[in-house]
Amino acid sequence: NKAKNKILKYLTKDFKYYLIFDVSKNENIDEDL
């Protein structure tokens, strides 16, 4: 749930597509998670 909230918050910057690897790296979330 913490990871899902981080992903959603990261994507709220604007409604555009972000690479999943960038989201993982910038939010310090394990890639598999």
All heavy atoms as atom14 arrays in JSON, in Angstrom:
{
  "sequence": "NKAKNKILKYLTKDFKYYLIFDVSKNENIDEDL",
  "atom14_mask": [
    [1, 1, 1, 1, 1, 1, 1, 1, 0, 0, 0, 0, 0, 0],
    [1, 1, 1, 1, 1, 1, 1, 1, 1, 0, 0, 0, 0, 0],
    [1, 1, 1, 1, 1, 0, 0, 0, 0, 0, 0, 0, 0, 0],
    [1, 1, 1, 1, 1, 1, 1, 1, 1, 0, 0, 0, 0, 0],
    [1, 1, 1, 1, 1, 1, 1, 1, 0, 0, 0, 0, 0, 0],
    [1, 1, 1, 1, 1, 1, 1, 1, 1, 0, 0, 0, 0, 0],
    [1, 1, 1, 1, 1, 1, 1, 1, 0, 0, 0, 0, 0, 0],
    [1, 1, 1, 1, 1, 1, 1, 1, 0, 0, 0, 0, 0, 0],
    [1, 1, 1, 1, 1, 1, 1, 1, 1, 0, 0, 0, 0, 0],
    [1, 1, 1, 1, 1, 1, 1, 1, 1, 1, 1, 1, 0, 0],
    [1, 1, 1, 1, 1, 1, 1, 1, 0, 0, 0, 0, 0, 0],
    [1, 1, 1, 1, 1, 1, 1, 0, 0, 0, 0, 0, 0, 0],
    [1, 1, 1, 1, 1, 1, 1, 1, 1, 0, 0, 0, 0, 0],
    [1, 1, 1, 1, 1, 1, 1, 1, 0, 0, 0, 0, 0, 0],
    [1, 1, 1, 1, 1, 1, 1, 1, 1, 1, 1, 0, 0, 0],
    [1, 1, 1, 1, 1, 1, 1, 1, 1, 0, 0, 0, 0, 0],
    [1, 1, 1, 1, 1, 1, 1, 1, 1, 1, 1, 1, 0, 0],
    [1, 1, 1, 1, 1, 1, 1, 1, 1, 1, 1, 1, 0, 0],
    [1, 1, 1, 1, 1, 1, 1, 1, 0, 0, 0, 0, 0, 0],
    [1, 1, 1, 1, 1, 1, 1, 1, 0, 0, 0, 0, 0, 0],
    [1, 1, 1, 1, 1, 1, 1, 1, 1, 1, 1, 0, 0, 0],
    [1, 1, 1, 1, 1, 1, 1, 1, 0, 0, 0, 0, 0, 0],
    [1, 1, 1, 1, 1, 1, 1, 0, 0, 0, 0, 0, 0, 0],
    [1, 1, 1, 1, 1, 1, 0, 0, 0, 0, 0, 0, 0, 0],
    [1, 1, 1, 1, 1, 1, 1, 1, 1, 0, 0, 0, 0, 0],
    [1, 1, 1, 1, 1, 1, 1, 1, 0, 0, 0, 0, 0, 0],
    [1, 1, 1, 1, 1, 1, 1, 1, 1, 0, 0, 0, 0, 0],
    [1, 1, 1, 1, 1, 1, 1, 1, 0, 0, 0, 0, 0, 0],
    [1, 1, 1, 1, 1, 1, 1, 1, 0, 0, 0, 0, 0, 0],
    [1, 1, 1, 1, 1, 1, 1, 1, 0, 0, 0, 0, 0, 0],
    [1, 1, 1, 1, 1, 1, 1, 1, 1, 0, 0, 0, 0, 0],
    [1, 1, 1, 1, 1, 1, 1, 1, 0, 0, 0, 0, 0, 0],
    [1, 1, 1, 1, 1, 1, 1, 1, 0, 0, 0, 0, 0, 0]
  ],
  "atom14_positions": [
    [[0.83, -1.21, 0.0], [0.0, 0.0, 0.0], [0.86, 1.26, 0.0], [0.53, 2.24, -0.67], [-0.95, 0.0, 1.19], [-2.1, -0.98, 1.0], [-2.27, -1.55, -0.06], [-2.87, -1.17, 2.04], [0.0, 0.0, 0.0], [0.0, 0.0, 0.0], [0.0, 0.0, 0.0], [0.0, 0.0, 0.0], [0.0, 0.0, 0.0], [0.0, 0.0, 0.0]],
    [[1.97, 1.24, 0.75], [2.87, 2.4, 0.74], [3.45, 2.6, -0.65], [3.54, 3.72, -1.14], [4.01, 2.2, 1.75], [3.62, 2.43, 3.18], [4.82, 2.27, 4.09], [4.44, 2.49, 5.54], [5.6, 2.31, 6.44], [0.0, 0.0, 0.0], [0.0, 0.0, 0.0], [0.0, 0.0, 0.0], [0.0, 0.0, 0.0], [0.0, 0.0, 0.0]],
    [[3.84, 1.49, -1.3], [4.41, 1.58, -2.65], [3.37, 2.09, -3.64], [3.68, 2.93, -4.5], [4.95, 0.21, -3.08], [0.0, 0.0, 0.0], [0.0, 0.0, 0.0], [0.0, 0.0, 0.0], [0.0, 0.0, 0.0], [0.0, 0.0, 0.0], [0.0, 0.0, 0.0], [0.0, 0.0, 0.0], [0.0, 0.0, 0.0], [0.0, 0.0, 0.0]],
    [[2.14, 1.61, -3.53], [1.08, 2.07, -4.44], [0.83, 3.57, -4.27], [0.67, 4.29, -5.26], [-0.22, 1.3, -4.17], [-0.17, -0.14, -4.61], [-1.47, -0.83, -4.22], [-1.34, -2.31, -4.23], [-2.52, -2.99, -3.69], [0.0, 0.0, 0.0], [0.0, 0.0, 0.0], [0.0, 0.0, 0.0], [0.0, 0.0, 0.0], [0.0, 0.0, 0.0]],
    [[0.8, 4.03, -3.02], [0.61, 5.46, -2.78], [1.76, 6.28, -3.35], [1.55, 7.34, -3.93], [0.45, 5.74, -1.28], [-0.92, 5.37, -0.76], [-1.88, 5.31, -1.51], [-1.0, 5.1, 0.52], [0.0, 0.0, 0.0], [0.0, 0.0, 0.0], [0.0, 0.0, 0.0], [0.0, 0.0, 0.0], [0.0, 0.0, 0.0], [0.0, 0.0, 0.0]],
    [[3.01, 5.79, -3.19], [4.16, 6.49, -3.75], [4.07, 6.57, -5.27], [4.36, 7.61, -5.86], [5.46, 5.79, -3.35], [5.91, 6.05, -1.94], [7.25, 5.37, -1.71], [7.81, 5.66, -0.35], [9.12, 5.02, -0.16], [0.0, 0.0, 0.0], [0.0, 0.0, 0.0], [0.0, 0.0, 0.0], [0.0, 0.0, 0.0], [0.0, 0.0, 0.0]],
    [[3.67, 5.47, -5.9], [3.54, 5.45, -7.36], [2.49, 6.45, -7.8], [2.7, 7.25, -8.72], [3.21, 4.03, -7.86], [4.4, 3.09, -7.64], [2.81, 4.04, -9.33], [4.08, 1.63, -7.83], [0.0, 0.0, 0.0], [0.0, 0.0, 0.0], [0.0, 0.0, 0.0], [0.0, 0.0, 0.0], [0.0, 0.0, 0.0], [0.0, 0.0, 0.0]],
    [[1.33, 6.42, -7.16], [0.25, 7.35, -7.53], [0.68, 8.8, -7.32], [0.41, 9.65, -8.17], [-1.02, 7.05, -6.72], [-1.76, 5.76, -7.08], [-2.9, 5.53, -6.11], [-2.25, 5.79, -8.5], [0.0, 0.0, 0.0], [0.0, 0.0, 0.0], [0.0, 0.0, 0.0], [0.0, 0.0, 0.0], [0.0, 0.0, 0.0], [0.0, 0.0, 0.0]],
    [[1.36, 9.09, -6.21], [1.81, 10.47, -5.95], [2.83, 10.92, -6.98], [2.82, 12.07, -7.4], [2.37, 10.58, -4.53], [1.31, 10.57, -3.46], [1.9, 10.66, -2.08], [0.8, 10.53, -1.04], [1.32, 10.44, 0.32], [0.0, 0.0, 0.0], [0.0, 0.0, 0.0], [0.0, 0.0, 0.0], [0.0, 0.0, 0.0], [0.0, 0.0, 0.0]],
    [[3.72, 10.01, -7.38], [4.72, 10.37, -8.38], [4.05, 10.7, -9.72], [4.47, 11.63, -10.41], [5.71, 9.21, -8.58], [6.84, 9.54, -9.51], [7.95, 10.24, -9.06], [6.8, 9.17, -10.85], [9.0, 10.55, -9.89], [7.84, 9.49, -11.7], [8.94, 10.17, -11.22], [9.97, 10.49, -12.07], [0.0, 0.0, 0.0], [0.0, 0.0, 0.0]],
    [[3.0, 9.97, -10.05], [2.33, 10.18, -11.33], [1.41, 11.4, -11.33], [0.93, 11.8, -12.39], [1.52, 8.93, -11.71], [2.33, 7.65, -11.93], [1.39, 6.48, -12.18], [3.31, 7.8, -13.07], [0.0, 0.0, 0.0], [0.0, 0.0, 0.0], [0.0, 0.0, 0.0], [0.0, 0.0, 0.0], [0.0, 0.0, 0.0], [0.0, 0.0, 0.0]],
    [[1.18, 12.02, -10.16], [0.29, 13.18, -10.11], [0.96, 14.47, -10.59], [0.29, 15.49, -10.69], [-0.25, 13.44, -8.69], [0.84, 13.6, -7.79], [-1.16, 12.34, -8.23], [0.0, 0.0, 0.0], [0.0, 0.0, 0.0], [0.0, 0.0, 0.0], [0.0, 0.0, 0.0], [0.0, 0.0, 0.0], [0.0, 0.0, 0.0], [0.0, 0.0, 0.0]],
    [[2.25, 14.42, -10.88], [2.95, 15.63, -11.34], [2.22, 16.24, -12.53], [2.0, 17.43, -12.58], [4.39, 15.31, -11.69], [5.22, 14.9, -10.49], [6.62, 14.54, -10.9], [7.41, 14.07, -9.69], [8.74, 13.63, -10.05], [0.0, 0.0, 0.0], [0.0, 0.0, 0.0], [0.0, 0.0, 0.0], [0.0, 0.0, 0.0], [0.0, 0.0, 0.0]],
    [[1.89, 15.43, -13.48], [1.02, 15.8, -14.58], [0.54, 14.51, -15.22], [1.06, 13.44, -14.97], [1.71, 16.73, -15.6], [3.06, 16.2, -16.05], [3.37, 15.04, -15.74], [3.78, 16.95, -16.72], [0.0, 0.0, 0.0], [0.0, 0.0, 0.0], [0.0, 0.0, 0.0], [0.0, 0.0, 0.0], [0.0, 0.0, 0.0], [0.0, 0.0, 0.0]],
    [[-0.45, 14.6, -16.02], [-1.05, 13.4, -16.59], [-0.32, 12.98, -17.86], [-0.87, 13.01, -18.95], [-2.55, 13.63, -16.86], [-3.36, 13.71, -15.6], [-3.62, 14.94, -15.0], [-3.82, 12.57, -15.0], [-4.34, 15.01, -13.84], [-4.55, 12.63, -13.82], [-4.81, 13.86, -13.23], [0.0, 0.0, 0.0], [0.0, 0.0, 0.0], [0.0, 0.0, 0.0]],
    [[0.95, 12.58, -17.7], [1.7, 12.07, -18.83], [2.3, 10.73, -18.44], [2.27, 10.33, -17.28], [2.79, 13.06, -19.27], [3.93, 13.22, -18.31], [5.0, 14.13, -18.9], [6.28, 14.01, -18.09], [7.38, 14.71, -18.69], [0.0, 0.0, 0.0], [0.0, 0.0, 0.0], [0.0, 0.0, 0.0], [0.0, 0.0, 0.0], [0.0, 0.0, 0.0]],
    [[2.85, 10.03, -19.42], [3.42, 8.71, -19.18], [4.83, 8.83, -18.61], [5.62, 9.66, -19.05], [3.47, 7.89, -20.47], [2.12, 7.34, -20.86], [1.3, 8.0, -21.75], [1.68, 6.13, -20.34], [0.06, 7.49, -22.11], [0.44, 5.61, -20.68], [-0.36, 6.29, -21.57], [-1.58, 5.78, -21.91], [0.0, 0.0, 0.0], [0.0, 0.0, 0.0]],
    [[5.14, 8.0, -17.61], [6.47, 7.91, -17.02], [6.96, 6.47, -17.14], [6.19, 5.54, -16.95], [6.44, 8.28, -15.53], [6.18, 9.74, -15.27], [4.89, 10.2, -15.02], [7.22, 10.65, -15.24], [4.65, 11.54, -14.77], [6.99, 11.99, -14.98], [5.7, 12.42, -14.75], [5.46, 13.75, -14.5], [0.0, 0.0, 0.0], [0.0, 0.0, 0.0]],
    [[8.26, 6.29, -17.42], [8.83, 4.95, -17.45], [8.78, 4.34, -16.06], [9.07, 5.02, -15.06], [10.27, 4.98, -17.94], [10.47, 5.1, -19.44], [11.94, 5.32, -19.76], [9.97, 3.84, -20.13], [0.0, 0.0, 0.0], [0.0, 0.0, 0.0], [0.0, 0.0, 0.0], [0.0, 0.0, 0.0], [0.0, 0.0, 0.0], [0.0, 0.0, 0.0]],
    [[8.44, 3.07, -15.99], [8.3, 2.4, -14.7], [9.65, 2.35, -13.97], [9.7, 2.43, -12.74], [7.7, 0.99, -14.88], [7.2, 0.45, -13.53], [8.66, 0.05, -15.54], [6.3, -0.74, -13.64], [0.0, 0.0, 0.0], [0.0, 0.0, 0.0], [0.0, 0.0, 0.0], [0.0, 0.0, 0.0], [0.0, 0.0, 0.0], [0.0, 0.0, 0.0]],
    [[10.75, 2.27, -14.72], [12.07, 2.26, -14.07], [12.38, 3.6, -13.42], [13.02, 3.65, -12.38], [13.15, 1.89, -15.11], [12.93, 0.54, -15.71], [12.54, 0.41, -17.03], [13.08, -0.62, -14.95], [12.34, -0.85, -17.59], [12.87, -1.88, -15.49], [12.49, -1.99, -16.82], [0.0, 0.0, 0.0], [0.0, 0.0, 0.0], [0.0, 0.0, 0.0]],
    [[11.94, 4.7, -14.04], [12.14, 6.03, -13.44], [11.34, 6.17, -12.15], [11.83, 6.72, -11.16], [11.74, 7.13, -14.42], [12.66, 7.21, -15.63], [13.79, 6.7, -15.53], [12.22, 7.76, -16.65], [0.0, 0.0, 0.0], [0.0, 0.0, 0.0], [0.0, 0.0, 0.0], [0.0, 0.0, 0.0], [0.0, 0.0, 0.0], [0.0, 0.0, 0.0]],
    [[10.11, 5.68, -12.17], [9.27, 5.74, -10.97], [9.93, 4.94, -9.85], [10.04, 5.41, -8.71], [7.85, 5.2, -11.26], [7.02, 5.13, -9.99], [7.16, 6.03, -12.32], [0.0, 0.0, 0.0], [0.0, 0.0, 0.0], [0.0, 0.0, 0.0], [0.0, 0.0, 0.0], [0.0, 0.0, 0.0], [0.0, 0.0, 0.0], [0.0, 0.0, 0.0]],
    [[10.41, 3.74, -10.17], [11.04, 2.88, -9.18], [12.29, 3.54, -8.61], [12.5, 3.55, -7.39], [11.4, 1.55, -9.84], [12.13, 0.74, -8.96], [0.0, 0.0, 0.0], [0.0, 0.0, 0.0], [0.0, 0.0, 0.0], [0.0, 0.0, 0.0], [0.0, 0.0, 0.0], [0.0, 0.0, 0.0], [0.0, 0.0, 0.0], [0.0, 0.0, 0.0]],
    [[13.12, 4.11, -9.48], [14.38, 4.72, -9.03], [14.14, 5.99, -8.22], [14.72, 6.18, -7.15], [15.25, 5.03, -10.25], [16.63, 5.54, -9.91], [17.44, 5.71, -11.17], [17.58, 7.19, -11.44], [18.34, 7.52, -12.62], [0.0, 0.0, 0.0], [0.0, 0.0, 0.0], [0.0, 0.0, 0.0], [0.0, 0.0, 0.0], [0.0, 0.0, 0.0]],
    [[13.27, 6.86, -8.7], [13.04, 8.15, -8.03], [12.3, 8.01, -6.71], [12.45, 8.86, -5.82], [12.3, 9.11, -8.96], [13.15, 9.52, -10.14], [14.36, 9.51, -10.08], [12.5, 9.87, -11.23], [0.0, 0.0, 0.0], [0.0, 0.0, 0.0], [0.0, 0.0, 0.0], [0.0, 0.0, 0.0], [0.0, 0.0, 0.0], [0.0, 0.0, 0.0]],
    [[11.47, 7.0, -6.57], [10.71, 6.81, -5.33], [11.33, 5.77, -4.41], [10.75, 5.43, -3.39], [9.27, 6.42, -5.66], [8.46, 7.53, -6.3], [8.3, 8.72, -5.38], [8.08, 8.53, -4.16], [8.4, 9.86, -5.88], [0.0, 0.0, 0.0], [0.0, 0.0, 0.0], [0.0, 0.0, 0.0], [0.0, 0.0, 0.0], [0.0, 0.0, 0.0]],
    [[12.5, 5.24, -4.79], [13.21, 4.23, -3.99], [12.33, 3.02, -3.68], [12.22, 2.59, -2.53], [13.76, 4.83, -2.69], [14.8, 5.88, -2.94], [15.6, 5.75, -3.87], [14.78, 6.93, -2.14], [0.0, 0.0, 0.0], [0.0, 0.0, 0.0], [0.0, 0.0, 0.0], [0.0, 0.0, 0.0], [0.0, 0.0, 0.0], [0.0, 0.0, 0.0]],
    [[11.69, 2.49, -4.72], [10.86, 1.29, -4.58], [11.54, 0.18, -5.38], [12.06, 0.42, -6.48], [9.44, 1.52, -5.16], [8.8, 2.75, -4.53], [8.57, 0.3, -4.94], [7.49, 3.15, -5.2], [0.0, 0.0, 0.0], [0.0, 0.0, 0.0], [0.0, 0.0, 0.0], [0.0, 0.0, 0.0], [0.0, 0.0, 0.0], [0.0, 0.0, 0.0]],
    [[11.56, -1.02, -4.83], [12.12, -2.17, -5.53], [11.43, -2.34, -6.89], [10.21, -2.16, -7.0], [11.91, -3.43, -4.67], [12.5, -4.65, -5.31], [13.73, -4.71, -5.48], [11.71, -5.56, -5.66], [0.0, 0.0, 0.0], [0.0, 0.0, 0.0], [0.0, 0.0, 0.0], [0.0, 0.0, 0.0], [0.0, 0.0, 0.0], [0.0, 0.0, 0.0]],
    [[12.2, -2.67, -7.94], [11.62, -2.78, -9.29], [10.53, -3.84, -9.36], [9.5, -3.62, -9.98], [12.72, -3.08, -10.31], [13.54, -1.88, -10.69], [14.53, -2.18, -11.79], [14.45, -3.26, -12.42], [15.4, -1.32, -12.03], [0.0, 0.0, 0.0], [0.0, 0.0, 0.0], [0.0, 0.0, 0.0], [0.0, 0.0, 0.0], [0.0, 0.0, 0.0]],
    [[10.77, -5.0, -8.74], [9.77, -6.06, -8.78], [8.49, -5.63, -8.08], [7.38, -5.88, -8.57], [10.31, -7.33, -8.13], [11.49, -7.92, -8.89], [11.5, -7.78, -10.14], [12.38, -8.5, -8.26], [0.0, 0.0, 0.0], [0.0, 0.0, 0.0], [0.0, 0.0, 0.0], [0.0, 0.0, 0.0], [0.0, 0.0, 0.0], [0.0, 0.0, 0.0]],
    [[8.63, -4.95, -6.95], [7.46, -4.44, -6.23], [6.73, -3.4, -7.06], [5.5, -3.36, -7.08], [7.88, -3.86, -4.88], [6.77, -3.27, -4.01], [5.74, -4.33, -3.67], [7.37, -2.68, -2.74], [0.0, 0.0, 0.0], [0.0, 0.0, 0.0], [0.0, 0.0, 0.0], [0.0, 0.0, 0.0], [0.0, 0.0, 0.0], [0.0, 0.0, 0.0]]
  ]
}
